[in-house]
Amino acid sequence: MPHIVAPQIAPCPLPLFRAVDVPHVSRALRRGDVIRLHRGIYAPAAPWRELPPWDRYLARVHAAARIHDGLVFSHESSAALLGLPIFGDPKAVHIVARETLTAGQRTGIRVHRSATDRELVDAGSFALTTAAECAVDLARSRSEIVGLSIADAALRNDPGLTVESLVARNESRLDSRGRRVARWPLHRARAESESTLESASRGVMEMLGYAEPQLQTRFSAAGREDRADFWWADASAVGEADGDLKYDGRFGDPLEQLRRRRERDARLRRRGIRHILHWAWTDVADPDRLDRMLATAGIPRVAPPDHHRLHTARSALGSAARSARQQREPETSV
């Protein structure tokens, strides 16, 4: 497996320690002072309870690296270490099997069959698949919405990565499992989607049959330049994937955030834009709600809804919406 220079690896979000470092570890567990992440690896319970699901998962990945030297992480585990989106609360740490291991499930660890055609990041005591390999892995094996969101984030984080290179990597793999499934998200990946919610929104819009919007369009009005997540010129409509974060106090006074939004919307209307839509994770997780918003604004429908893809997307979107309620950084995880 070829190795490349390591990008910035996400550090463990809380301290980890071994049983020998915890006086009377069994007693500490019973009191709820510590929690066990993996056999022999513990973390303080109080900060653990404050972590969002993706950071808990990242901690479990780092704990696995503490007890097994030379692991090669893949799938969601690689995504967590690379700062790519994590949907829901994954239970298993994913690794690529060495020759001495067979594929299967062990306690808290999912072992995947070794693939000699993978590029790896060398992180010292462990390795992980690159963002491109991770995007292909998840596009092949997860919901198309998850695959699209990961591929968008990989392109966004690495300017040297292209849609063509992701597609070529998928097509050239020796293992054909999931190749056809991965084509839908990989061919549609766009670096212009600036958050996981934008990626998921774009995927659901297509599944609902709506015309593809322009992304990150800039408008000048009243001496100010504003940028829209989505723009449909035929309907004179702007769409904003706001999430719930901007208005819950984590990013400043929510009243101030709402005031700025109203002022921005007013500038866009003076520019002649007729419809300005705002939606959050709950609207995307229930595609019927987003459908009603887009239809009311007159967004052109160019194809019938793809009910099969919408059905398979709902589970992933629901887990994303639940996780988003705890989210701290909108560009990182869901």
Protein backbone atom coordinates (compact mmCIF):
# COMPACT_ATOMS: atom_id res chain seq x y z
CA MET A 1 0.00 0.00 0.00
CA PRO A 2 1.57 3.35 -1.02
CA HIS A 3 1.93 5.90 1.77
CA ILE A 4 1.65 9.67 1.48
CA VAL A 5 2.57 12.56 3.73
CA ALA A 6 0.11 12.92 6.59
CA PRO A 7 -2.36 15.82 6.53
CA GLN A 8 -3.45 17.30 9.82
CA ILE A 9 -4.93 14.49 11.91
CA ALA A 10 -7.77 15.35 14.29
CA PRO A 11 -6.47 14.94 17.86
CA CYS A 12 -8.30 13.01 20.53
CA PRO A 13 -10.94 15.36 22.03
CA LEU A 14 -10.30 14.26 25.62
CA PRO A 15 -7.51 12.61 27.64
CA LEU A 16 -7.16 8.83 27.50
CA PHE A 17 -5.42 6.64 30.03
CA ARG A 18 -4.74 2.99 30.76
CA ALA A 19 -6.02 0.98 33.69
CA VAL A 20 -2.68 1.25 35.49
CA ASP A 21 -3.11 5.03 35.50
CA VAL A 22 -6.49 4.88 37.28
CA PRO A 23 -6.43 4.01 41.00
CA HIS A 24 -9.09 1.37 41.70
CA VAL A 25 -10.39 1.43 38.14
CA SER A 26 -13.32 -0.91 38.88
CA ARG A 27 -14.49 1.39 41.63
CA ALA A 28 -14.10 4.44 39.37
CA LEU A 29 -16.23 2.70 36.73
CA ARG A 30 -18.97 1.89 39.25
CA ARG A 31 -19.00 5.49 40.49
CA GLY A 32 -19.27 6.76 36.94
CA ASP A 33 -16.02 8.72 37.16
CA VAL A 34 -14.54 7.06 34.08
CA ILE A 35 -15.80 5.16 31.06
CA ARG A 36 -14.12 2.33 29.16
CA LEU A 37 -13.63 3.05 25.47
CA HIS A 38 -11.73 -0.12 24.61
CA ARG A 39 -10.23 -2.93 26.61
CA GLY A 40 -7.76 -1.28 28.97
CA ILE A 41 -8.35 2.29 27.72
CA TYR A 42 -10.42 4.76 29.76
CA ALA A 43 -11.56 8.38 29.62
CA PRO A 44 -12.99 10.79 32.22
CA ALA A 45 -16.77 10.52 32.21
CA ALA A 46 -17.66 14.19 32.75
CA PRO A 47 -16.07 15.59 29.56
CA TRP A 48 -17.21 12.50 27.65
CA ARG A 49 -20.83 13.31 28.41
CA GLU A 50 -20.36 16.80 26.93
CA LEU A 51 -19.01 15.54 23.61
CA PRO A 52 -21.18 15.40 20.48
CA PRO A 53 -21.50 11.97 18.84
CA TRP A 54 -18.76 12.50 16.23
CA ASP A 55 -16.21 13.51 18.87
CA ARG A 56 -17.11 10.47 20.97
CA TYR A 57 -16.48 8.36 17.92
CA LEU A 58 -13.15 10.10 17.28
CA ALA A 59 -12.14 9.31 20.87
CA ARG A 60 -12.97 5.63 20.34
CA VAL A 61 -10.80 5.59 17.22
CA HIS A 62 -7.86 7.08 19.15
CA ALA A 63 -8.47 4.56 21.95
CA ALA A 64 -8.22 1.70 19.46
CA ALA A 65 -4.93 3.13 18.21
CA ARG A 66 -3.61 3.07 21.78
CA ILE A 67 -4.12 -0.65 22.27
CA HIS A 68 -3.15 -1.95 18.81
CA ASP A 69 0.05 -0.75 17.14
CA GLY A 70 0.10 -0.30 13.39
CA LEU A 71 -3.65 -0.22 12.73
CA VAL A 72 -4.83 1.02 9.34
CA PHE A 73 -8.09 2.93 9.79
CA SER A 74 -10.73 3.18 7.07
CA HIS A 75 -14.36 4.19 6.42
CA GLU A 76 -15.87 6.36 9.21
CA SER A 77 -12.72 5.98 11.31
CA SER A 78 -10.58 7.50 8.58
CA ALA A 79 -13.23 10.19 8.06
CA ALA A 80 -13.16 11.12 11.75
CA LEU A 81 -9.37 11.40 11.79
CA LEU A 82 -9.39 13.53 8.63
CA GLY A 83 -12.14 15.86 9.85
CA LEU A 84 -14.68 14.65 7.29
CA PRO A 85 -18.39 14.47 8.18
CA ILE A 86 -19.67 11.72 10.47
CA PHE A 87 -23.34 10.78 10.28
CA GLY A 88 -25.05 9.63 13.44
CA ASP A 89 -23.13 7.70 16.08
CA PRO A 90 -21.07 4.89 14.50
CA LYS A 91 -20.54 1.96 16.83
CA ALA A 92 -17.59 0.18 15.23
CA VAL A 93 -14.04 1.34 14.60
CA HIS A 94 -13.12 0.37 11.02
CA ILE A 95 -9.71 -0.96 10.04
CA VAL A 96 -8.20 -2.53 6.92
CA ALA A 97 -7.05 -6.08 7.65
CA ARG A 98 -3.44 -7.05 7.52
CA GLU A 99 -2.50 -10.41 6.04
CA THR A 100 -2.76 -12.03 9.49
CA LEU A 101 -6.37 -10.90 10.01
CA THR A 102 -9.60 -11.93 8.36
CA ALA A 103 -12.54 -9.71 7.60
CA GLY A 104 -15.29 -9.59 10.20
CA GLN A 105 -16.51 -8.01 13.42
CA ARG A 106 -14.54 -8.03 16.66
CA THR A 107 -15.36 -6.28 19.92
CA GLY A 108 -15.88 -2.69 18.83
CA ILE A 109 -13.76 -3.13 15.70
CA ARG A 110 -14.87 -3.93 12.16
CA VAL A 111 -12.10 -5.55 10.11
CA HIS A 112 -12.24 -5.13 6.34
CA ARG A 113 -10.40 -7.29 3.86
CA SER A 114 -6.99 -5.96 2.89
CA ALA A 115 -6.81 -4.05 -0.37
CA THR A 116 -3.37 -3.55 -1.87
CA ASP A 117 -4.51 -0.74 -4.17
CA ARG A 118 -5.23 1.76 -1.36
CA GLU A 119 -3.28 4.94 -0.70
CA LEU A 120 -2.54 5.46 2.99
CA VAL A 121 -1.65 8.35 5.25
CA ASP A 122 1.22 7.49 7.59
CA ALA A 123 0.40 9.00 11.00
CA GLY A 124 3.29 7.42 12.89
CA SER A 125 1.89 4.81 15.25
CA PHE A 126 -1.03 4.13 12.90
CA ALA A 127 -2.10 4.72 9.31
CA LEU A 128 -5.37 5.60 7.64
CA THR A 129 -6.82 5.68 4.19
CA THR A 130 -6.57 9.00 2.35
CA ALA A 131 -9.57 11.27 1.95
CA ALA A 132 -10.01 10.03 -1.62
CA GLU A 133 -9.93 6.37 -0.57
CA CYS A 134 -12.29 7.13 2.32
CA ALA A 135 -14.73 8.87 -0.02
CA VAL A 136 -14.79 5.87 -2.34
CA ASP A 137 -15.16 3.40 0.56
CA LEU A 138 -18.18 5.23 1.96
CA ALA A 139 -19.72 5.95 -1.44
CA ARG A 140 -19.63 2.21 -2.10
CA SER A 141 -21.01 1.06 1.24
CA ARG A 142 -23.25 3.78 2.71
CA SER A 143 -26.31 5.81 1.74
CA GLU A 144 -25.89 7.92 -1.37
CA ILE A 145 -26.45 11.02 0.75
CA VAL A 146 -23.56 10.00 3.02
CA GLY A 147 -21.38 9.26 0.00
CA LEU A 148 -22.15 12.63 -1.57
CA SER A 149 -21.47 14.53 1.66
CA ILE A 150 -18.13 12.79 2.21
CA ALA A 151 -17.06 13.29 -1.41
CA ASP A 152 -18.00 16.99 -1.30
CA ALA A 153 -16.01 17.44 1.91
CA ALA A 154 -12.99 15.61 0.49
CA LEU A 155 -12.97 17.93 -2.52
CA ARG A 156 -13.49 20.96 -0.30
CA ASN A 157 -10.59 20.04 1.98
CA ASP A 158 -8.10 19.08 -0.75
CA PRO A 159 -7.88 21.48 -3.72
CA GLY A 160 -5.74 18.92 -5.54
CA LEU A 161 -8.55 16.37 -5.56
CA THR A 162 -11.03 16.30 -8.45
CA VAL A 163 -14.30 14.59 -9.27
CA GLU A 164 -12.53 12.84 -12.12
CA SER A 165 -9.90 11.39 -9.78
CA LEU A 166 -12.56 10.09 -7.38
CA VAL A 167 -14.49 8.49 -10.22
CA ALA A 168 -11.32 6.95 -11.66
CA ARG A 169 -10.33 5.56 -8.26
CA ASN A 170 -13.71 3.89 -7.91
CA GLU A 171 -13.60 2.40 -11.39
CA SER A 172 -10.02 1.13 -11.10
CA ARG A 173 -10.38 -0.78 -7.83
CA LEU A 174 -9.91 -4.51 -8.18
CA ASP A 175 -12.88 -5.17 -5.91
CA SER A 176 -16.09 -4.42 -7.80
CA ARG A 177 -18.44 -4.53 -4.78
CA GLY A 178 -20.32 -1.25 -4.51
CA ARG A 179 -18.77 0.22 -7.66
CA ARG A 180 -22.11 0.90 -9.34
CA VAL A 181 -23.67 2.35 -6.17
CA ALA A 182 -20.73 4.74 -5.73
CA ARG A 183 -21.15 6.27 -9.17
CA TRP A 184 -24.18 8.35 -8.18
CA PRO A 185 -22.52 10.34 -5.34
CA LEU A 186 -19.03 10.50 -6.85
CA HIS A 187 -20.14 11.88 -10.21
CA ARG A 188 -22.15 14.58 -8.40
CA ALA A 189 -19.50 15.68 -5.89
CA ARG A 190 -18.86 19.43 -5.76
CA ALA A 191 -16.31 21.33 -3.73
CA GLU A 192 -18.62 24.37 -3.81
CA SER A 193 -20.93 22.80 -1.23
CA GLU A 194 -19.59 24.45 1.90
CA SER A 195 -21.25 22.31 4.56
CA THR A 196 -22.67 18.85 5.03
CA LEU A 197 -26.18 20.31 5.15
CA GLU A 198 -25.62 21.92 1.75
CA SER A 199 -24.41 18.59 0.35
CA ALA A 200 -27.39 16.70 1.75
CA SER A 201 -29.78 19.42 0.52
CA ARG A 202 -28.39 19.21 -2.99
CA GLY A 203 -28.72 15.44 -3.04
CA VAL A 204 -32.32 15.51 -1.81
CA MET A 205 -33.24 18.23 -4.33
CA GLU A 206 -32.13 15.97 -7.18
CA MET A 207 -33.90 12.96 -5.67
CA LEU A 208 -37.07 15.07 -5.51
CA GLY A 209 -36.65 15.88 -9.20
CA TYR A 210 -35.85 19.60 -8.99
CA ALA A 211 -33.60 21.53 -11.34
CA GLU A 212 -29.97 21.76 -10.31
CA PRO A 213 -29.22 25.12 -8.66
CA GLN A 214 -26.18 27.30 -9.09
CA LEU A 215 -23.95 27.15 -6.02
CA GLN A 216 -22.44 30.05 -4.06
CA THR A 217 -23.78 32.76 -6.36
CA ARG A 218 -22.79 36.33 -5.44
CA PHE A 219 -25.20 39.26 -5.53
CA SER A 220 -24.44 42.95 -5.08
CA ALA A 221 -27.11 45.18 -3.58
CA ALA A 222 -27.16 48.36 -1.50
CA GLY A 223 -23.38 48.55 -1.60
CA ARG A 224 -22.97 45.05 -0.14
CA GLU A 225 -22.10 41.72 -1.67
CA ASP A 226 -24.08 38.70 -0.50
CA ARG A 227 -23.64 35.07 -1.42
CA ALA A 228 -26.40 32.48 -1.78
CA ASP A 229 -25.95 28.77 -1.13
CA PHE A 230 -28.39 27.95 -3.96
CA TRP A 231 -29.77 30.05 -6.83
CA TRP A 232 -32.43 29.20 -9.40
CA ALA A 233 -32.50 31.97 -11.98
CA ASP A 234 -35.66 30.67 -13.71
CA ALA A 235 -37.62 30.95 -10.46
CA SER A 236 -35.77 34.01 -9.14
CA ALA A 237 -35.25 32.02 -5.95
CA VAL A 238 -32.44 31.76 -3.42
CA GLY A 239 -32.05 28.85 -1.01
CA GLU A 240 -30.11 28.96 2.25
CA ALA A 241 -29.15 25.80 4.16
CA ASP A 242 -28.90 27.55 7.51
CA GLY A 243 -29.06 24.69 9.96
CA ASP A 244 -30.18 25.39 13.51
CA LEU A 245 -26.77 26.58 14.72
CA LYS A 246 -26.88 30.22 13.79
CA TYR A 247 -29.82 30.91 16.04
CA ASP A 248 -29.17 28.85 19.19
CA GLY A 249 -26.62 31.18 20.79
CA ARG A 250 -23.47 29.19 20.02
CA PHE A 251 -22.33 31.68 17.39
CA GLY A 252 -23.30 34.91 19.09
CA ASP A 253 -26.52 36.60 20.04
CA PRO A 254 -29.33 34.78 18.18
CA LEU A 255 -31.34 38.00 17.89
CA GLU A 256 -28.36 39.65 16.22
CA GLN A 257 -28.03 36.69 13.87
CA LEU A 258 -31.70 36.97 12.94
CA ARG A 259 -31.39 40.73 12.43
CA ARG A 260 -28.49 40.20 10.03
CA ARG A 261 -30.48 37.58 8.17
CA ARG A 262 -33.44 39.96 7.75
CA GLU A 263 -31.15 42.72 6.50
CA ARG A 264 -29.48 40.35 4.06
CA ASP A 265 -32.83 39.08 2.78
CA ALA A 266 -33.99 42.67 2.32
CA ARG A 267 -30.89 43.47 0.24
CA LEU A 268 -31.55 40.43 -1.95
CA ARG A 269 -35.17 41.45 -2.47
CA ARG A 270 -34.05 44.93 -3.51
CA ARG A 271 -31.90 43.12 -6.05
CA GLY A 272 -35.12 41.71 -7.50
CA ILE A 273 -35.03 38.20 -6.04
CA ARG A 274 -38.60 37.03 -5.47
CA HIS A 275 -38.19 33.98 -3.23
CA ILE A 276 -35.74 33.52 -0.35
CA LEU A 277 -35.91 30.11 1.32
CA HIS A 278 -34.27 29.08 4.58
CA TRP A 279 -34.17 25.51 5.83
CA ALA A 280 -32.50 23.37 8.50
CA TRP A 281 -31.60 19.73 9.03
CA THR A 282 -35.13 18.85 10.09
CA ASP A 283 -36.44 20.06 6.73
CA VAL A 284 -33.94 17.99 4.76
CA ALA A 285 -34.42 14.93 6.98
CA ASP A 286 -38.10 15.02 5.99
CA PRO A 287 -37.86 15.43 2.20
CA ASP A 288 -41.61 16.12 2.00
CA ARG A 289 -41.05 19.38 3.91
CA LEU A 290 -38.26 20.50 1.60
CA ASP A 291 -40.40 19.45 -1.36
CA ARG A 292 -43.24 21.74 -0.26
CA MET A 293 -40.87 24.68 0.22
CA LEU A 294 -39.31 24.28 -3.22
CA ALA A 295 -42.64 23.71 -4.96
CA THR A 296 -44.21 26.78 -3.32
CA ALA A 297 -41.30 28.91 -4.56
CA GLY A 298 -41.81 27.65 -8.10
CA ILE A 299 -38.52 25.80 -8.44
CA PRO A 300 -38.71 23.90 -11.76
CA ARG A 301 -39.17 20.15 -11.48
CA VAL A 302 -37.29 18.42 -14.27
CA ALA A 303 -37.80 14.76 -13.32
CA PRO A 304 -40.18 12.65 -11.23
CA PRO A 305 -39.15 12.01 -7.62
CA ASP A 306 -36.82 9.05 -7.13
CA HIS A 307 -38.75 7.39 -4.31
CA HIS A 308 -36.30 4.52 -3.92
CA ARG A 309 -33.34 6.84 -3.32
CA LEU A 310 -35.42 9.07 -1.07
CA HIS A 311 -36.40 6.06 1.03
CA THR A 312 -32.80 4.93 1.48
CA ALA A 313 -31.71 8.49 2.32
CA ARG A 314 -34.20 9.03 5.15
CA SER A 315 -32.34 6.95 7.75
CA ALA A 316 -29.04 8.76 7.21
CA LEU A 317 -30.78 12.13 7.13
CA GLY A 318 -32.61 11.36 10.36
CA SER A 319 -29.37 10.49 12.15
CA ALA A 320 -27.80 13.67 10.80
CA ALA A 321 -30.69 15.79 12.06
CA ARG A 322 -30.45 14.24 15.53
CA SER A 323 -26.70 14.80 15.67
CA ALA A 324 -26.99 18.36 14.35
CA ARG A 325 -28.85 19.39 17.48
CA GLN A 326 -25.57 18.94 19.35
CA GLN A 327 -23.33 20.28 16.61
CA ARG A 328 -20.68 22.87 17.38
CA GLU A 329 -19.02 23.49 14.04
CA PRO A 330 -21.25 23.54 10.97
CA GLU A 331 -18.51 22.84 8.45
CA THR A 332 -17.18 19.72 10.14
CA SER A 333 -19.67 17.07 11.16
CA VAL A 334 -23.30 16.27 11.42
